[in-house]
Amino acid sequence: MIAVAQRVREARVRVADRTVGEIGVGLLVLVCAERGDTEAQAERLLAKLLKLRIFADAAGKMNRSLQDVQGGLLLVSQFTLAADTSGGNRPSFTQAAAPDDGRRLYDYLVAIARTAHPQVATGEFAADMQVHLVNDGPVTIPLRIV
């Protein structure tokens, strides 16, 4: 799985002029399942997201996790993270999981996140979404879970 985690002061996702997911301080995570990905990778991704030490401690060092700061987690599916641009100027998305598999793994990630963390919001799978965020830092961390 591929993910891009962004430390945010606030973030929200809108679909057709309605807000479907919103958090204050926390992580906005764009998530892409690739062909062959499994539930075990989703579990490892969630574990990494919850413990990733990218929030400031009292000394201003990135030393606290999402769990430590009790922040929100906003999970947004984004198959375009699997883009391959090596063959020209039009991206290929052949490495992205098929839609049914992508939805299954995204739904699984959301479900396990909701059992492990008190504040989880989401986008809407396969929808045309507008993502609004205030990136804090900015801090943006790419993750690839194999």
Protein backbone atom coordinates (compact mmCIF):
# COMPACT_ATOMS: atom_id res chain seq x y z
CA MET A 1 0.00 0.00 0.00
CA ILE A 2 1.05 3.55 -0.65
CA ALA A 3 0.12 6.43 1.61
CA VAL A 4 0.94 10.08 2.01
CA ALA A 5 0.52 11.29 5.59
CA GLN A 6 0.19 15.02 6.17
CA ARG A 7 0.29 16.59 9.60
CA VAL A 8 -2.59 19.05 9.64
CA ARG A 9 -4.11 21.70 11.84
CA GLU A 10 -7.43 20.91 10.18
CA ALA A 11 -8.72 19.04 7.15
CA ARG A 12 -12.01 18.20 5.53
CA VAL A 13 -13.32 16.34 2.51
CA ARG A 14 -16.28 17.56 0.50
CA VAL A 15 -18.35 15.63 -2.05
CA ALA A 16 -21.03 17.43 -4.05
CA ASP A 17 -21.03 20.47 -1.73
CA ARG A 18 -21.37 18.45 1.48
CA THR A 19 -18.68 17.69 4.04
CA VAL A 20 -18.23 13.93 4.38
CA GLY A 21 -15.21 13.88 6.71
CA GLU A 22 -13.51 16.44 8.91
CA ILE A 23 -10.81 16.63 11.60
CA GLY A 24 -8.93 19.24 13.59
CA VAL A 25 -5.31 18.61 14.54
CA GLY A 26 -4.14 15.24 13.27
CA LEU A 27 -3.23 13.34 10.13
CA LEU A 28 -4.76 13.52 6.68
CA VAL A 29 -3.74 10.31 4.95
CA LEU A 30 -4.14 9.69 1.23
CA VAL A 31 -4.24 5.92 0.69
CA CYS A 32 -3.79 3.71 -2.37
CA ALA A 33 -4.07 -0.05 -2.52
CA GLU A 34 -1.93 -1.65 -5.19
CA ARG A 35 -2.38 -4.93 -7.01
CA GLY A 36 -1.59 -7.82 -4.70
CA ASP A 37 -1.95 -5.84 -1.46
CA THR A 38 -3.46 -7.63 1.52
CA GLU A 39 -5.18 -6.92 4.82
CA ALA A 40 -1.83 -7.48 6.56
CA GLN A 41 -0.41 -4.47 4.73
CA ALA A 42 -3.40 -2.37 5.81
CA GLU A 43 -2.74 -3.45 9.41
CA ARG A 44 0.95 -2.49 9.15
CA LEU A 45 0.02 0.86 7.60
CA LEU A 46 -2.39 1.66 10.42
CA ALA A 47 0.18 0.68 13.06
CA LYS A 48 2.74 2.98 11.41
CA LEU A 49 0.26 5.89 11.16
CA LEU A 50 -0.79 5.69 14.79
CA LYS A 51 2.79 5.58 16.09
CA LEU A 52 4.56 7.84 13.56
CA ARG A 53 6.34 10.45 15.71
CA ILE A 54 5.79 13.64 13.72
CA PHE A 55 4.06 15.89 16.26
CA ALA A 56 6.05 18.34 18.38
CA ASP A 57 6.87 17.65 22.02
CA ALA A 58 7.35 20.37 24.66
CA ALA A 59 10.83 21.09 23.26
CA GLY A 60 9.49 21.51 19.71
CA LYS A 61 11.00 18.25 18.43
CA MET A 62 8.98 15.82 16.33
CA ASN A 63 8.69 13.20 19.04
CA ARG A 64 4.96 12.58 19.60
CA SER A 65 2.57 10.31 17.74
CA LEU A 66 -1.03 10.76 16.65
CA GLN A 67 -2.04 8.71 19.67
CA ASP A 68 0.06 10.89 21.98
CA VAL A 69 -1.62 14.10 20.81
CA GLN A 70 -5.07 12.45 20.56
CA GLY A 71 -5.44 13.86 17.05
CA GLY A 72 -7.89 13.03 14.32
CA LEU A 73 -7.23 10.61 11.48
CA LEU A 74 -8.77 11.43 8.09
CA LEU A 75 -8.40 8.57 5.59
CA VAL A 76 -8.95 9.39 1.92
CA SER A 77 -8.70 6.86 -0.91
CA GLN A 78 -6.55 8.04 -3.81
CA PHE A 79 -5.69 5.54 -6.54
CA THR A 80 -3.57 8.14 -8.35
CA LEU A 81 -0.76 7.53 -5.85
CA ALA A 82 0.00 4.46 -7.98
CA ALA A 83 0.72 6.63 -11.03
CA ASP A 84 3.55 5.50 -13.28
CA THR A 85 4.87 8.34 -15.44
CA SER A 86 7.96 6.55 -16.76
CA GLY A 87 6.40 5.86 -20.17
CA GLY A 88 5.50 9.42 -21.10
CA ASN A 89 3.37 12.31 -19.98
CA ARG A 90 0.09 10.47 -19.44
CA PRO A 91 0.18 8.53 -16.16
CA SER A 92 -0.60 4.83 -16.12
CA PHE A 93 -2.48 3.42 -13.14
CA THR A 94 -2.03 -0.28 -13.87
CA GLN A 95 -0.38 -0.88 -10.48
CA ALA A 96 -3.44 0.38 -8.60
CA ALA A 97 -5.67 -2.36 -7.23
CA ALA A 98 -8.83 -3.14 -9.18
CA PRO A 99 -11.74 -1.03 -7.87
CA ASP A 100 -13.36 -3.89 -5.94
CA ASP A 101 -10.07 -4.83 -4.27
CA GLY A 102 -9.21 -1.19 -3.60
CA ARG A 103 -12.58 -0.60 -1.94
CA ARG A 104 -12.29 -3.78 0.12
CA LEU A 105 -8.84 -2.83 1.44
CA TYR A 106 -9.80 0.80 2.05
CA ASP A 107 -12.94 -0.27 3.92
CA TYR A 108 -10.87 -2.74 5.94
CA LEU A 109 -8.34 -0.02 6.83
CA VAL A 110 -11.15 2.29 7.95
CA ALA A 111 -12.79 -0.46 10.02
CA ILE A 112 -9.61 -1.40 11.88
CA ALA A 113 -8.74 2.26 12.36
CA ARG A 114 -12.10 2.87 14.01
CA THR A 115 -11.47 0.05 16.46
CA ALA A 116 -7.96 1.30 17.30
CA HIS A 117 -8.37 5.10 17.36
CA PRO A 118 -11.17 7.25 18.78
CA GLN A 119 -11.39 9.87 16.03
CA VAL A 120 -11.48 8.58 12.45
CA ALA A 121 -13.09 10.37 9.52
CA THR A 122 -13.08 9.41 5.84
CA GLY A 123 -13.54 10.57 2.33
CA GLU A 124 -15.87 8.69 -0.01
CA PHE A 125 -14.37 5.88 -2.09
CA ALA A 126 -14.37 6.54 -5.87
CA ALA A 127 -16.08 9.92 -5.47
CA ASP A 128 -14.97 13.23 -6.95
CA MET A 129 -13.69 14.80 -3.71
CA GLN A 130 -12.36 18.19 -2.78
CA VAL A 131 -9.81 17.94 0.01
CA HIS A 132 -9.20 21.06 2.08
CA LEU A 133 -6.31 21.11 4.54
CA VAL A 134 -3.98 23.29 6.51
CA ASN A 135 -0.70 21.37 6.42
CA ASP A 136 1.15 22.01 9.67
CA GLY A 137 4.88 22.54 9.17
CA PRO A 138 4.51 21.57 6.37
CA VAL A 139 5.05 17.95 7.29
CA THR A 140 4.30 15.42 4.56
CA ILE A 141 5.54 11.82 4.86
CA PRO A 142 5.30 9.29 1.99
CA LEU A 143 4.88 5.67 3.10
CA ARG A 144 5.09 2.41 1.14
CA ILE A 145 4.07 -0.68 3.05
CA VAL A 146 5.17 -3.95 1.49
